[in-house]
Amino acid sequence: MDAIRHHTYGPPETLVLEQVPDPVPGPGQVLVAARVHGVHLLDTALRRGESTGPLPAPPLPAIPGREVAGTVVSVGQDVGDGWLGARVAAHLGATPDGGGYARLAVASVGSLHRLPDRLDLADAVAMIGTGRMALMTLEVAHVGPEDVVVITAAAGGLGSLFVQSTLDAGARVLALAGGPRKVRAVRGLAPDAGQRLAVVDVFADDWPTDARRALGRLRADTATALIDGVGGDLGAEAAALLGPGGRLVVQGWASGSPNPVAASAVTPAGDPVDVRAVVGPGAPAFGDLRSYQRRALERAASGEWRVLTHRVAFAEAARAHRELEERRTVGKVVLG
């Protein structure tokens, strides 16, 4: 079968298309002919040989990826034939070499979600990991109609879902995105939001001043919540928009370093903040992750969530990694 592997740690070019033996499903497993494969920023760190959170650097050679969508083509022992031909999406597990960048992937029956015909496979892959994380984050953020919410990386796979959900909750939203193309994409998510959505380009000179002006257009002096997946200097500058007691919801740090305000629980102006971590120390136990996947899939299938995807041909996985690392992607990155 075709698979994307890397035999050394290093830059995106270490990812190469190769022929490898077909995997065989064991007891309680199925074989999925994958047509779409999810790509994460986490994958780029593992490709470089970096240990990330609970995941160590993968043993080499490695096939990256943990999310696939496609059709079940064979089943292992003790698996009913009712799965044959099923259109499914699956998370392959929290392992550093999950095997997701392959045209055939072994998945446990317990990881499978049957997909309705109306749900695009790329949208389904986005929901398995990214949609799940969005729901977990929103549960922690607890946004309501009284809130003014700042969202970093608003044009990303997660950020775009946060924008839609916080607006649906009745909140006013200040979305931060990098560059005119991403700003347009965020505005396109909610064309009827009117004065409840402001979008600021963080590539502009002195964007924090633009952000404060945008808060004024939202009829607010400060924000009540920040959902941050960027961290670093940008995350700290975004946290400066919070008022006293504002909620800082940390769901990652794409910059490579956590939001420094999360450690101090104090904004640059000296105001206390309510730090709520979705990942890392202090993160709550979310229980059945499968239920979050199911609910995310339902939101996408019903049209409640408009899913943004950045699609790259399977053979061009190196390009997908490069564009993701260079922040040139809009939405969830998928191969296929």
C-alpha atoms as a PDB file:
ATOM      1  CA  MET A   1       0.000   0.000   0.000  1.00  0.00           C
ATOM      2  CA  ASP A   2       0.969   3.660  -0.306  1.00  0.00           C
ATOM      3  CA  ALA A   3       2.128   5.272   2.927  1.00  0.00           C
ATOM      4  CA  ILE A   4       3.958   8.386   4.022  1.00  0.00           C
ATOM      5  CA  ARG A   5       6.989   7.577   6.171  1.00  0.00           C
ATOM      6  CA  HIS A   6      10.066   9.235   7.558  1.00  0.00           C
ATOM      7  CA  HIS A   7      13.278   7.340   8.301  1.00  0.00           C
ATOM      8  CA  THR A   8      15.007  10.230  10.072  1.00  0.00           C
ATOM      9  CA  TYR A   9      13.904  13.161  12.196  1.00  0.00           C
ATOM     10  CA  GLY A  10      14.078  16.518  10.502  1.00  0.00           C
ATOM     11  CA  PRO A  11      12.383  18.957   8.108  1.00  0.00           C
ATOM     12  CA  PRO A  12       9.203  18.262   6.105  1.00  0.00           C
ATOM     13  CA  GLU A  13      11.249  16.757   3.279  1.00  0.00           C
ATOM     14  CA  THR A  14      11.936  13.703   5.440  1.00  0.00           C
ATOM     15  CA  LEU A  15       8.352  12.640   4.688  1.00  0.00           C
ATOM     16  CA  VAL A  16       8.349  10.385   1.615  1.00  0.00           C
ATOM     17  CA  LEU A  17       5.766   8.327  -0.231  1.00  0.00           C
ATOM     18  CA  GLU A  18       6.637   4.620  -0.092  1.00  0.00           C
ATOM     19  CA  GLN A  19       5.203   1.182  -0.652  1.00  0.00           C
ATOM     20  CA  VAL A  20       4.819  -0.813   2.572  1.00  0.00           C
ATOM     21  CA  PRO A  21       3.112  -4.148   3.322  1.00  0.00           C
ATOM     22  CA  ASP A  22      -0.652  -4.070   3.798  1.00  0.00           C
ATOM     23  CA  PRO A  23      -1.619  -4.254   7.485  1.00  0.00           C
ATOM     24  CA  VAL A  24      -3.898  -7.064   8.682  1.00  0.00           C
ATOM     25  CA  PRO A  25      -6.666  -6.457  11.233  1.00  0.00           C
ATOM     26  CA  GLY A  26      -6.544  -8.560  14.372  1.00  0.00           C
ATOM     27  CA  PRO A  27      -9.342  -9.564  16.756  1.00  0.00           C
ATOM     28  CA  GLY A  28     -11.713  -6.671  17.364  1.00  0.00           C
ATOM     29  CA  GLN A  29     -10.196  -4.646  14.537  1.00  0.00           C
ATOM     30  CA  VAL A  30     -11.109  -3.600  11.001  1.00  0.00           C
ATOM     31  CA  LEU A  31      -9.128  -2.439   7.993  1.00  0.00           C
ATOM     32  CA  VAL A  32     -10.109   0.995   6.691  1.00  0.00           C
ATOM     33  CA  ALA A  33      -9.356   2.062   3.122  1.00  0.00           C
ATOM     34  CA  ALA A  34      -8.617   5.664   4.035  1.00  0.00           C
ATOM     35  CA  ARG A  35      -9.381   8.457   1.605  1.00  0.00           C
ATOM     36  CA  VAL A  36      -8.766  11.378   3.976  1.00  0.00           C
ATOM     37  CA  HIS A  37      -6.089  11.707   6.668  1.00  0.00           C
ATOM     38  CA  GLY A  38      -5.927  14.311   9.441  1.00  0.00           C
ATOM     39  CA  VAL A  39      -2.771  16.392   9.974  1.00  0.00           C
ATOM     40  CA  HIS A  40      -1.895  18.122  13.261  1.00  0.00           C
ATOM     41  CA  LEU A  41       0.753  20.599  14.309  1.00  0.00           C
ATOM     42  CA  LEU A  42       1.671  17.871  16.806  1.00  0.00           C
ATOM     43  CA  ASP A  43       2.657  15.696  13.835  1.00  0.00           C
ATOM     44  CA  THR A  44       5.273  18.252  12.792  1.00  0.00           C
ATOM     45  CA  ALA A  45       6.900  18.188  16.229  1.00  0.00           C
ATOM     46  CA  LEU A  46       7.021  14.385  16.274  1.00  0.00           C
ATOM     47  CA  ARG A  47       8.508  14.420  12.769  1.00  0.00           C
ATOM     48  CA  ARG A  48      11.314  16.607  14.125  1.00  0.00           C
ATOM     49  CA  GLY A  49      11.934  14.044  16.877  1.00  0.00           C
ATOM     50  CA  GLU A  50      10.542  16.194  19.665  1.00  0.00           C
ATOM     51  CA  SER A  51       8.681  14.718  22.605  1.00  0.00           C
ATOM     52  CA  THR A  52       5.331  16.480  22.820  1.00  0.00           C
ATOM     53  CA  GLY A  53       3.149  16.228  25.916  1.00  0.00           C
ATOM     54  CA  PRO A  54       2.564  12.550  26.674  1.00  0.00           C
ATOM     55  CA  LEU A  55       3.911  11.437  23.290  1.00  0.00           C
ATOM     56  CA  PRO A  56       7.616  10.607  22.882  1.00  0.00           C
ATOM     57  CA  ALA A  57       9.433  10.878  19.579  1.00  0.00           C
ATOM     58  CA  PRO A  58       8.286   7.987  17.377  1.00  0.00           C
ATOM     59  CA  PRO A  59      10.459   4.966  16.659  1.00  0.00           C
ATOM     60  CA  LEU A  60      11.773   5.040  13.098  1.00  0.00           C
ATOM     61  CA  PRO A  61      10.750   4.487  10.398  1.00  0.00           C
ATOM     62  CA  ALA A  62       7.390   6.003  11.320  1.00  0.00           C
ATOM     63  CA  ILE A  63       4.051   6.548   9.613  1.00  0.00           C
ATOM     64  CA  PRO A  64       2.565   9.686  11.241  1.00  0.00           C
ATOM     65  CA  GLY A  65      -1.061  10.512  11.860  1.00  0.00           C
ATOM     66  CA  ARG A  66      -3.931   9.326  14.034  1.00  0.00           C
ATOM     67  CA  GLU A  67      -7.127  10.299  12.162  1.00  0.00           C
ATOM     68  CA  VAL A  68      -8.640   8.673   9.072  1.00  0.00           C
ATOM     69  CA  ALA A  69     -11.916   8.488   7.199  1.00  0.00           C
ATOM     70  CA  GLY A  70     -12.892   6.018   4.496  1.00  0.00           C
ATOM     71  CA  THR A  71     -14.511   2.616   4.020  1.00  0.00           C
ATOM     72  CA  VAL A  72     -14.121  -0.650   5.945  1.00  0.00           C
ATOM     73  CA  VAL A  73     -12.719  -3.251   3.536  1.00  0.00           C
ATOM     74  CA  SER A  74     -12.029  -6.196   5.854  1.00  0.00           C
ATOM     75  CA  VAL A  75     -12.679  -7.248   9.433  1.00  0.00           C
ATOM     76  CA  GLY A  76     -10.770  -9.207  12.014  1.00  0.00           C
ATOM     77  CA  GLN A  77     -11.871 -12.057  14.238  1.00  0.00           C
ATOM     78  CA  ASP A  78     -15.019 -11.449  16.309  1.00  0.00           C
ATOM     79  CA  VAL A  79     -16.058  -8.449  14.200  1.00  0.00           C
ATOM     80  CA  GLY A  80     -19.433  -8.661  12.513  1.00  0.00           C
ATOM     81  CA  ASP A  81     -19.684  -8.488   8.734  1.00  0.00           C
ATOM     82  CA  GLY A  82     -22.066  -5.566   9.195  1.00  0.00           C
ATOM     83  CA  TRP A  83     -19.041  -3.305   9.249  1.00  0.00           C
ATOM     84  CA  LEU A  84     -17.928  -4.321   5.748  1.00  0.00           C
ATOM     85  CA  GLY A  85     -18.460  -1.446   3.337  1.00  0.00           C
ATOM     86  CA  ALA A  86     -19.314   0.974   6.132  1.00  0.00           C
ATOM     87  CA  ARG A  87     -18.340   4.598   5.647  1.00  0.00           C
ATOM     88  CA  VAL A  88     -16.430   5.498   8.820  1.00  0.00           C
ATOM     89  CA  ALA A  89     -14.092   7.865  10.612  1.00  0.00           C
ATOM     90  CA  ALA A  90     -11.740   6.787  13.380  1.00  0.00           C
ATOM     91  CA  HIS A  91      -9.095   8.053  15.772  1.00  0.00           C
ATOM     92  CA  LEU A  92      -6.277   5.517  15.788  1.00  0.00           C
ATOM     93  CA  GLY A  93      -5.121   6.252  19.321  1.00  0.00           C
ATOM     94  CA  ALA A  94      -2.684   8.470  21.174  1.00  0.00           C
ATOM     95  CA  THR A  95       0.548   6.989  19.832  1.00  0.00           C
ATOM     96  CA  PRO A  96       3.526   8.803  18.259  1.00  0.00           C
ATOM     97  CA  ASP A  97       3.429   6.621  15.127  1.00  0.00           C
ATOM     98  CA  GLY A  98      -0.281   6.133  14.683  1.00  0.00           C
ATOM     99  CA  GLY A  99      -0.158   4.979  11.060  1.00  0.00           C
ATOM    100  CA  GLY A 100      -2.730   7.485   9.838  1.00  0.00           C
ATOM    101  CA  TYR A 101      -0.813   8.677   6.755  1.00  0.00           C
ATOM    102  CA  ALA A 102      -1.468   5.393   4.975  1.00  0.00           C
ATOM    103  CA  ARG A 103      -4.016   4.244   2.432  1.00  0.00           C
ATOM    104  CA  LEU A 104      -4.930   1.280   4.656  1.00  0.00           C
ATOM    105  CA  ALA A 105      -5.244   1.693   8.412  1.00  0.00           C
ATOM    106  CA  VAL A 106      -6.109  -0.769  11.179  1.00  0.00           C
ATOM    107  CA  ALA A 107      -8.646   0.585  13.656  1.00  0.00           C
ATOM    108  CA  SER A 108     -10.374  -0.955  16.645  1.00  0.00           C
ATOM    109  CA  VAL A 109     -14.110  -1.400  16.300  1.00  0.00           C
ATOM    110  CA  GLY A 110     -14.582   0.749  19.395  1.00  0.00           C
ATOM    111  CA  SER A 111     -12.948   3.715  17.634  1.00  0.00           C
ATOM    112  CA  LEU A 112     -15.273   3.670  14.591  1.00  0.00           C
ATOM    113  CA  HIS A 113     -18.016   6.167  13.850  1.00  0.00           C
ATOM    114  CA  ARG A 114     -20.447   5.412  11.037  1.00  0.00           C
ATOM    115  CA  LEU A 115     -20.862   8.463   8.827  1.00  0.00           C
ATOM    116  CA  PRO A 116     -24.003   9.697   7.098  1.00  0.00           C
ATOM    117  CA  ASP A 117     -23.685  10.153   3.339  1.00  0.00           C
ATOM    118  CA  ARG A 118     -24.256  13.896   3.704  1.00  0.00           C
ATOM    119  CA  LEU A 119     -21.073  14.342   5.780  1.00  0.00           C
ATOM    120  CA  ASP A 120     -17.929  15.003   3.747  1.00  0.00           C
ATOM    121  CA  LEU A 121     -15.029  12.726   4.705  1.00  0.00           C
ATOM    122  CA  ALA A 122     -12.673  15.664   5.213  1.00  0.00           C
ATOM    123  CA  ASP A 123     -15.161  17.308   7.570  1.00  0.00           C
ATOM    124  CA  ALA A 124     -15.502  14.024   9.441  1.00  0.00           C
ATOM    125  CA  VAL A 125     -11.730  13.727   9.928  1.00  0.00           C
ATOM    126  CA  ALA A 126     -11.688  17.276  11.279  1.00  0.00           C
ATOM    127  CA  MET A 127     -14.296  16.364  13.874  1.00  0.00           C
ATOM    128  CA  ILE A 128     -12.548  13.250  15.205  1.00  0.00           C
ATOM    129  CA  GLY A 129      -9.719  15.161  16.887  1.00  0.00           C
ATOM    130  CA  THR A 130     -10.176  18.880  16.290  1.00  0.00           C
ATOM    131  CA  GLY A 131     -13.947  18.950  16.769  1.00  0.00           C
ATOM    132  CA  ARG A 132     -13.554  16.874  19.899  1.00  0.00           C
ATOM    133  CA  MET A 133     -11.045  19.346  21.318  1.00  0.00           C
ATOM    134  CA  ALA A 134     -13.303  22.261  20.413  1.00  0.00           C
ATOM    135  CA  LEU A 135     -16.172  20.822  22.448  1.00  0.00           C
ATOM    136  CA  MET A 136     -13.899  20.115  25.403  1.00  0.00           C
ATOM    137  CA  THR A 137     -12.567  23.673  25.295  1.00  0.00           C
ATOM    138  CA  LEU A 138     -16.007  25.242  25.013  1.00  0.00           C
ATOM    139  CA  GLU A 139     -17.118  23.195  28.011  1.00  0.00           C
ATOM    140  CA  VAL A 140     -14.302  24.714  30.049  1.00  0.00           C
ATOM    141  CA  ALA A 141     -14.777  28.243  28.662  1.00  0.00           C
ATOM    142  CA  HIS A 142     -18.492  28.307  29.537  1.00  0.00           C
ATOM    143  CA  VAL A 143     -19.317  31.209  27.213  1.00  0.00           C
ATOM    144  CA  GLY A 144     -22.686  32.942  27.390  1.00  0.00           C
ATOM    145  CA  PRO A 145     -24.472  35.981  25.935  1.00  0.00           C
ATOM    146  CA  GLU A 146     -22.909  38.313  28.501  1.00  0.00           C
ATOM    147  CA  ASP A 147     -19.368  37.548  27.314  1.00  0.00           C
ATOM    148  CA  VAL A 148     -16.902  39.356  25.079  1.00  0.00           C
ATOM    149  CA  VAL A 149     -14.527  36.661  23.830  1.00  0.00           C
ATOM    150  CA  VAL A 150     -11.101  36.988  22.200  1.00  0.00           C
ATOM    151  CA  ILE A 151     -10.058  34.030  20.041  1.00  0.00           C
ATOM    152  CA  THR A 152      -6.499  33.567  18.779  1.00  0.00           C
ATOM    153  CA  ALA A 153      -5.729  31.636  15.557  1.00  0.00           C
ATOM    154  CA  ALA A 154      -9.359  32.212  14.609  1.00  0.00           C
ATOM    155  CA  ALA A 155      -8.919  30.914  11.041  1.00  0.00           C
ATOM    156  CA  GLY A 156      -7.517  27.568  12.189  1.00  0.00           C
ATOM    157  CA  GLY A 157      -9.344  24.278  12.492  1.00  0.00           C
ATOM    158  CA  LEU A 158     -10.129  24.922  16.158  1.00  0.00           C
ATOM    159  CA  GLY A 159     -10.409  28.695  16.047  1.00  0.00           C
ATOM    160  CA  SER A 160     -13.003  28.641  13.285  1.00  0.00           C
ATOM    161  CA  LEU A 161     -15.207  26.363  15.420  1.00  0.00           C
ATOM    162  CA  PHE A 162     -14.741  28.599  18.469  1.00  0.00           C
ATOM    163  CA  VAL A 163     -15.847  31.651  16.471  1.00  0.00           C
ATOM    164  CA  GLN A 164     -19.059  29.949  15.357  1.00  0.00           C
ATOM    165  CA  SER A 165     -19.887  28.457  18.745  1.00  0.00           C
ATOM    166  CA  THR A 166     -19.272  31.587  20.803  1.00  0.00           C
ATOM    167  CA  LEU A 167     -21.390  33.641  18.409  1.00  0.00           C
ATOM    168  CA  ASP A 168     -24.112  30.975  18.611  1.00  0.00           C
ATOM    169  CA  ALA A 169     -23.944  31.318  22.403  1.00  0.00           C
ATOM    170  CA  GLY A 170     -24.812  35.000  22.013  1.00  0.00           C
ATOM    171  CA  ALA A 171     -21.369  36.375  22.854  1.00  0.00           C
ATOM    172  CA  ARG A 172     -19.556  39.233  21.159  1.00  0.00           C
ATOM    173  CA  VAL A 173     -16.344  37.997  19.531  1.00  0.00           C
ATOM    174  CA  LEU A 174     -12.983  39.560  18.742  1.00  0.00           C
ATOM    175  CA  ALA A 175     -11.230  37.142  16.378  1.00  0.00           C
ATOM    176  CA  LEU A 176      -7.474  37.361  15.783  1.00  0.00           C
ATOM    177  CA  ALA A 177      -6.100  36.012  12.493  1.00  0.00           C
ATOM    178  CA  GLY A 178      -2.850  36.391  10.537  1.00  0.00           C
ATOM    179  CA  GLY A 179      -3.104  38.068   7.136  1.00  0.00           C
ATOM    180  CA  PRO A 180      -5.917  39.286   4.849  1.00  0.00           C
ATOM    181  CA  ARG A 181      -6.803  35.801   3.546  1.00  0.00           C
ATOM    182  CA  LYS A 182      -7.407  34.472   7.040  1.00  0.00           C
ATOM    183  CA  VAL A 183      -9.304  37.594   8.066  1.00  0.00           C
ATOM    184  CA  ARG A 184     -11.649  37.100   5.112  1.00  0.00           C
ATOM    185  CA  ALA A 185     -12.110  33.419   5.989  1.00  0.00           C
ATOM    186  CA  VAL A 186     -13.150  34.275   9.554  1.00  0.00           C
ATOM    187  CA  ARG A 187     -15.605  36.921   8.406  1.00  0.00           C
ATOM    188  CA  GLY A 188     -17.078  34.392   5.990  1.00  0.00           C
ATOM    189  CA  LEU A 189     -17.891  32.050   8.876  1.00  0.00           C
ATOM    190  CA  ALA A 190     -20.590  34.381  10.189  1.00  0.00           C
ATOM    191  CA  PRO A 191     -21.687  36.853   7.518  1.00  0.00           C
ATOM    192  CA  ASP A 192     -24.811  37.690   9.524  1.00  0.00           C
ATOM    193  CA  ALA A 193     -23.037  38.351  12.832  1.00  0.00           C
ATOM    194  CA  GLY A 194     -23.151  42.107  12.285  1.00  0.00           C
ATOM    195  CA  GLN A 195     -21.691  44.145  15.121  1.00  0.00           C
ATOM    196  CA  ARG A 196     -21.109  41.082  17.303  1.00  0.00           C
ATOM    197  CA  LEU A 197     -17.975  40.009  15.371  1.00  0.00           C
ATOM    198  CA  ALA A 198     -14.761  41.966  14.864  1.00  0.00           C
ATOM    199  CA  VAL A 199     -11.707  40.493  13.129  1.00  0.00           C
ATOM    200  CA  VAL A 200      -8.187  41.871  13.595  1.00  0.00           C
ATOM    201  CA  ASP A 201      -5.107  41.044  11.514  1.00  0.00           C
ATOM    202  CA  VAL A 202      -2.245  40.212  13.895  1.00  0.00           C
ATOM    203  CA  PHE A 203       0.265  40.721  11.062  1.00  0.00           C
ATOM    204  CA  ALA A 204      -0.577  44.436  11.015  1.00  0.00           C
ATOM    205  CA  ASP A 205       1.707  46.945  12.712  1.00  0.00           C
ATOM    206  CA  ASP A 206       0.545  47.594  16.279  1.00  0.00           C
ATOM    207  CA  TRP A 207      -2.319  45.107  16.081  1.00  0.00           C
ATOM    208  CA  PRO A 208      -3.038  45.390  19.843  1.00  0.00           C
ATOM    209  CA  THR A 209      -4.163  48.983  19.236  1.00  0.00           C
ATOM    210  CA  ASP A 210      -6.415  47.731  16.428  1.00  0.00           C
ATOM    211  CA  ALA A 211      -7.775  45.118  18.826  1.00  0.00           C
ATOM    212  CA  ARG A 212      -8.656  47.702  21.470  1.00  0.00           C
ATOM    213  CA  ARG A 213     -10.444  49.787  18.849  1.00  0.00           C
ATOM    214  CA  ALA A 214     -12.307  46.654  17.790  1.00  0.00           C
ATOM    215  CA  LEU A 215     -13.396  46.081  21.389  1.00  0.00           C
ATOM    216  CA  GLY A 216     -14.831  49.575  21.316  1.00  0.00           C
ATOM    217  CA  ARG A 217     -16.850  48.671  18.216  1.00  0.00           C
ATOM    218  CA  LEU A 218     -18.081  45.660  20.190  1.00  0.00           C
ATOM    219  CA  ARG A 219     -19.182  48.119  22.904  1.00  0.00           C
ATOM    220  CA  ALA A 220     -16.679  46.789  25.430  1.00  0.00           C
ATOM    221  CA  ASP A 221     -13.682  48.211  27.264  1.00  0.00           C
ATOM    222  CA  THR A 222     -12.145  44.812  27.932  1.00  0.00           C
ATOM    223  CA  ALA A 223     -12.813  41.160  27.151  1.00  0.00           C
ATOM    224  CA  THR A 224     -14.315  38.706  29.621  1.00  0.00           C
ATOM    225  CA  ALA A 225     -12.694  35.601  28.100  1.00  0.00           C
ATOM    226  CA  LEU A 226      -9.742  34.606  25.919  1.00  0.00           C
ATOM    227  CA  ILE A 227      -9.538  31.232  24.183  1.00  0.00           C
ATOM    228  CA  ASP A 228      -5.864  30.870  23.324  1.00  0.00           C
ATOM    229  CA  GLY A 229      -4.122  28.137  21.370  1.00  0.00           C
ATOM    230  CA  VAL A 230      -1.092  30.199  20.343  1.00  0.00           C
ATOM    231  CA  GLY A 231       0.639  31.192  23.584  1.00  0.00           C
ATOM    232  CA  GLY A 232       3.982  33.006  23.597  1.00  0.00           C
ATOM    233  CA  ASP A 233       4.161  36.747  23.026  1.00  0.00           C
ATOM    234  CA  LEU A 234       0.983  36.896  20.959  1.00  0.00           C
ATOM    235  CA  GLY A 235      -0.954  35.039  23.630  1.00  0.00           C
ATOM    236  CA  ALA A 236       0.332  37.442  26.285  1.00  0.00           C
ATOM    237  CA  GLU A 237      -0.678  40.455  24.186  1.00  0.00           C
ATOM    238  CA  ALA A 238      -4.110  38.943  23.700  1.00  0.00           C
ATOM    239  CA  ALA A 239      -4.379  38.348  27.453  1.00  0.00           C
ATOM    240  CA  ALA A 240      -3.732  42.066  27.967  1.00  0.00           C
ATOM    241  CA  LEU A 241      -7.205  42.627  26.486  1.00  0.00           C
ATOM    242  CA  LEU A 242      -8.825  40.812  29.423  1.00  0.00           C
ATOM    243  CA  GLY A 243     -10.464  42.728  32.221  1.00  0.00           C
ATOM    244  CA  PRO A 244     -10.063  41.873  35.921  1.00  0.00           C
ATOM    245  CA  GLY A 245     -11.251  38.337  36.588  1.00  0.00           C
ATOM    246  CA  GLY A 246     -11.409  37.488  32.892  1.00  0.00           C
ATOM    247  CA  ARG A 247     -11.165  33.832  31.898  1.00  0.00           C
ATOM    248  CA  LEU A 248      -7.981  32.684  30.154  1.00  0.00           C
ATOM    249  CA  VAL A 249      -8.727  29.330  28.522  1.00  0.00           C
ATOM    250  CA  VAL A 250      -5.515  27.621  27.401  1.00  0.00           C
ATOM    251  CA  GLN A 251      -6.001  24.887  24.802  1.00  0.00           C
ATOM    252  CA  GLY A 252      -2.468  24.752  23.380  1.00  0.00           C
ATOM    253  CA  TRP A 253       0.573  26.792  22.380  1.00  0.00           C
ATOM    254  CA  ALA A 254       1.241  26.647  18.645  1.00  0.00           C
ATOM    255  CA  SER A 255       4.007  29.231  19.100  1.00  0.00           C
ATOM    256  CA  GLY A 256       6.063  26.636  20.956  1.00  0.00           C
ATOM    257  CA  SER A 257       5.753  28.239  24.389  1.00  0.00           C
ATOM    258  CA  PRO A 258       2.742  28.482  26.728  1.00  0.00           C
ATOM    259  CA  ASN A 259       0.959  31.743  27.396  1.00  0.00           C
ATOM    260  CA  PRO A 260       3.073  33.348  30.163  1.00  0.00           C
ATOM    261  CA  VAL A 261      -0.016  34.909  31.716  1.00  0.00           C
ATOM    262  CA  ALA A 262      -1.286  31.396  32.495  1.00  0.00           C
ATOM    263  CA  ALA A 263       1.654  30.823  34.838  1.00  0.00           C
ATOM    264  CA  SER A 264       1.245  34.097  36.726  1.00  0.00           C
ATOM    265  CA  ALA A 265      -2.573  34.336  36.557  1.00  0.00           C
ATOM    266  CA  VAL A 266      -2.074  38.084  36.196  1.00  0.00           C
ATOM    267  CA  THR A 267      -2.400  40.195  33.034  1.00  0.00           C
ATOM    268  CA  PRO A 268       0.453  42.494  31.936  1.00  0.00           C
ATOM    269  CA  ALA A 269      -1.527  45.325  33.565  1.00  0.00           C
ATOM    270  CA  GLY A 270      -1.516  43.485  36.900  1.00  0.00           C
ATOM    271  CA  ASP A 271      -5.152  42.358  36.863  1.00  0.00           C
ATOM    272  CA  PRO A 272      -5.950  38.851  38.144  1.00  0.00           C
ATOM    273  CA  VAL A 273      -7.315  36.334  35.633  1.00  0.00           C
ATOM    274  CA  ASP A 274      -9.162  33.041  35.960  1.00  0.00           C
ATOM    275  CA  VAL A 275      -6.871  30.491  34.255  1.00  0.00           C
ATOM    276  CA  ARG A 276      -8.614  27.422  32.835  1.00  0.00           C
ATOM    277  CA  ALA A 277      -6.369  24.839  31.171  1.00  0.00           C
ATOM    278  CA  VAL A 278      -7.775  22.353  28.683  1.00  0.00           C
ATOM    279  CA  VAL A 279      -4.359  20.733  28.199  1.00  0.00           C
ATOM    280  CA  GLY A 280      -1.390  20.516  30.548  1.00  0.00           C
ATOM    281  CA  PRO A 281      -1.334  20.998  34.339  1.00  0.00           C
ATOM    282  CA  GLY A 282      -4.733  21.671  35.826  1.00  0.00           C
ATOM    283  CA  ALA A 283      -6.669  20.240  32.890  1.00  0.00           C
ATOM    284  CA  PRO A 284      -9.896  18.481  33.881  1.00  0.00           C
ATOM    285  CA  ALA A 285     -10.574  14.825  33.188  1.00  0.00           C
ATOM    286  CA  PHE A 286     -12.999  14.749  30.266  1.00  0.00           C
ATOM    287  CA  GLY A 287     -14.098  11.135  30.547  1.00  0.00           C
ATOM    288  CA  ASP A 288     -15.450   9.430  27.430  1.00  0.00           C
ATOM    289  CA  LEU A 289     -13.650  11.106  24.522  1.00  0.00           C
ATOM    290  CA  ARG A 290     -15.761   9.127  22.075  1.00  0.00           C
ATOM    291  CA  SER A 291     -18.865  11.036  23.154  1.00  0.00           C
ATOM    292  CA  TYR A 292     -17.160  14.323  22.246  1.00  0.00           C
ATOM    293  CA  GLN A 293     -16.268  12.878  18.835  1.00  0.00           C
ATOM    294  CA  ARG A 294     -19.859  11.786  18.259  1.00  0.00           C
ATOM    295  CA  ARG A 295     -21.271  15.180  19.209  1.00  0.00           C
ATOM    296  CA  ALA A 296     -18.755  16.970  17.000  1.00  0.00           C
ATOM    297  CA  LEU A 297     -19.667  14.759  14.049  1.00  0.00           C
ATOM    298  CA  GLU A 298     -23.336  15.508  14.655  1.00  0.00           C
ATOM    299  CA  ARG A 299     -22.680  19.263  14.598  1.00  0.00           C
ATOM    300  CA  ALA A 300     -20.860  19.014  11.292  1.00  0.00           C
ATOM    301  CA  ALA A 301     -23.450  16.708   9.737  1.00  0.00           C
ATOM    302  CA  SER A 302     -26.341  18.963  10.760  1.00  0.00           C
ATOM    303  CA  GLY A 303     -24.639  22.086   9.410  1.00  0.00           C
ATOM    304  CA  GLU A 304     -24.440  23.658  12.869  1.00  0.00           C
ATOM    305  CA  TRP A 305     -20.696  23.882  12.307  1.00  0.00           C
ATOM    306  CA  ARG A 306     -19.235  25.016   9.015  1.00  0.00           C
ATOM    307  CA  VAL A 307     -15.929  23.138   8.788  1.00  0.00           C
ATOM    308  CA  LEU A 308     -12.945  24.834   7.161  1.00  0.00           C
ATOM    309  CA  THR A 309     -10.405  22.426   5.669  1.00  0.00           C
ATOM    310  CA  HIS A 310      -7.039  22.972   4.002  1.00  0.00           C
ATOM    311  CA  ARG A 311      -6.697  20.046   1.608  1.00  0.00           C
ATOM    312  CA  VAL A 312      -3.379  18.764   0.285  1.00  0.00           C
ATOM    313  CA  ALA A 313      -2.807  15.762  -1.987  1.00  0.00           C
ATOM    314  CA  PHE A 314      -1.791  12.616  -0.104  1.00  0.00           C
ATOM    315  CA  ALA A 315       1.581  12.389  -1.867  1.00  0.00           C
ATOM    316  CA  GLU A 316       2.378  15.966  -0.832  1.00  0.00           C
ATOM    317  CA  ALA A 317       2.439  15.421   2.923  1.00  0.00           C
ATOM    318  CA  ALA A 318       5.743  17.306   3.130  1.00  0.00           C
ATOM    319  CA  ARG A 319       4.038  20.374   1.650  1.00  0.00           C
ATOM    320  CA  ALA A 320       1.192  20.063   4.143  1.00  0.00           C
ATOM    321  CA  HIS A 321       3.668  20.037   7.046  1.00  0.00           C
ATOM    322  CA  ARG A 322       5.602  22.969   5.637  1.00  0.00           C
ATOM    323  CA  GLU A 323       2.498  25.095   5.119  1.00  0.00           C
ATOM    324  CA  LEU A 324       1.235  24.241   8.595  1.00  0.00           C
ATOM    325  CA  GLU A 325       4.534  25.161  10.226  1.00  0.00           C
ATOM    326  CA  GLU A 326       4.672  28.410   8.255  1.00  0.00           C
ATOM    327  CA  ARG A 327       1.104  29.280   9.347  1.00  0.00           C
ATOM    328  CA  ARG A 328      -0.124  29.380   5.740  1.00  0.00           C
ATOM    329  CA  THR A 329      -3.133  27.112   6.253  1.00  0.00           C
ATOM    330  CA  VAL A 330      -6.781  28.012   6.761  1.00  0.00           C
ATOM    331  CA  GLY A 331      -8.837  25.487   8.700  1.00  0.00           C
ATOM    332  CA  LYS A 332      -8.058  21.874   9.506  1.00  0.00           C
ATOM    333  CA  VAL A 333      -5.237  20.405   7.404  1.00  0.00           C
ATOM    334  CA  VAL A 334      -6.092  17.115   5.700  1.00  0.00           C
ATOM    335  CA  LEU A 335      -4.414  14.834   3.171  1.00  0.00           C
ATOM    336  CA  GLY A 336      -6.445  13.219   0.444  1.00  0.00           C
END
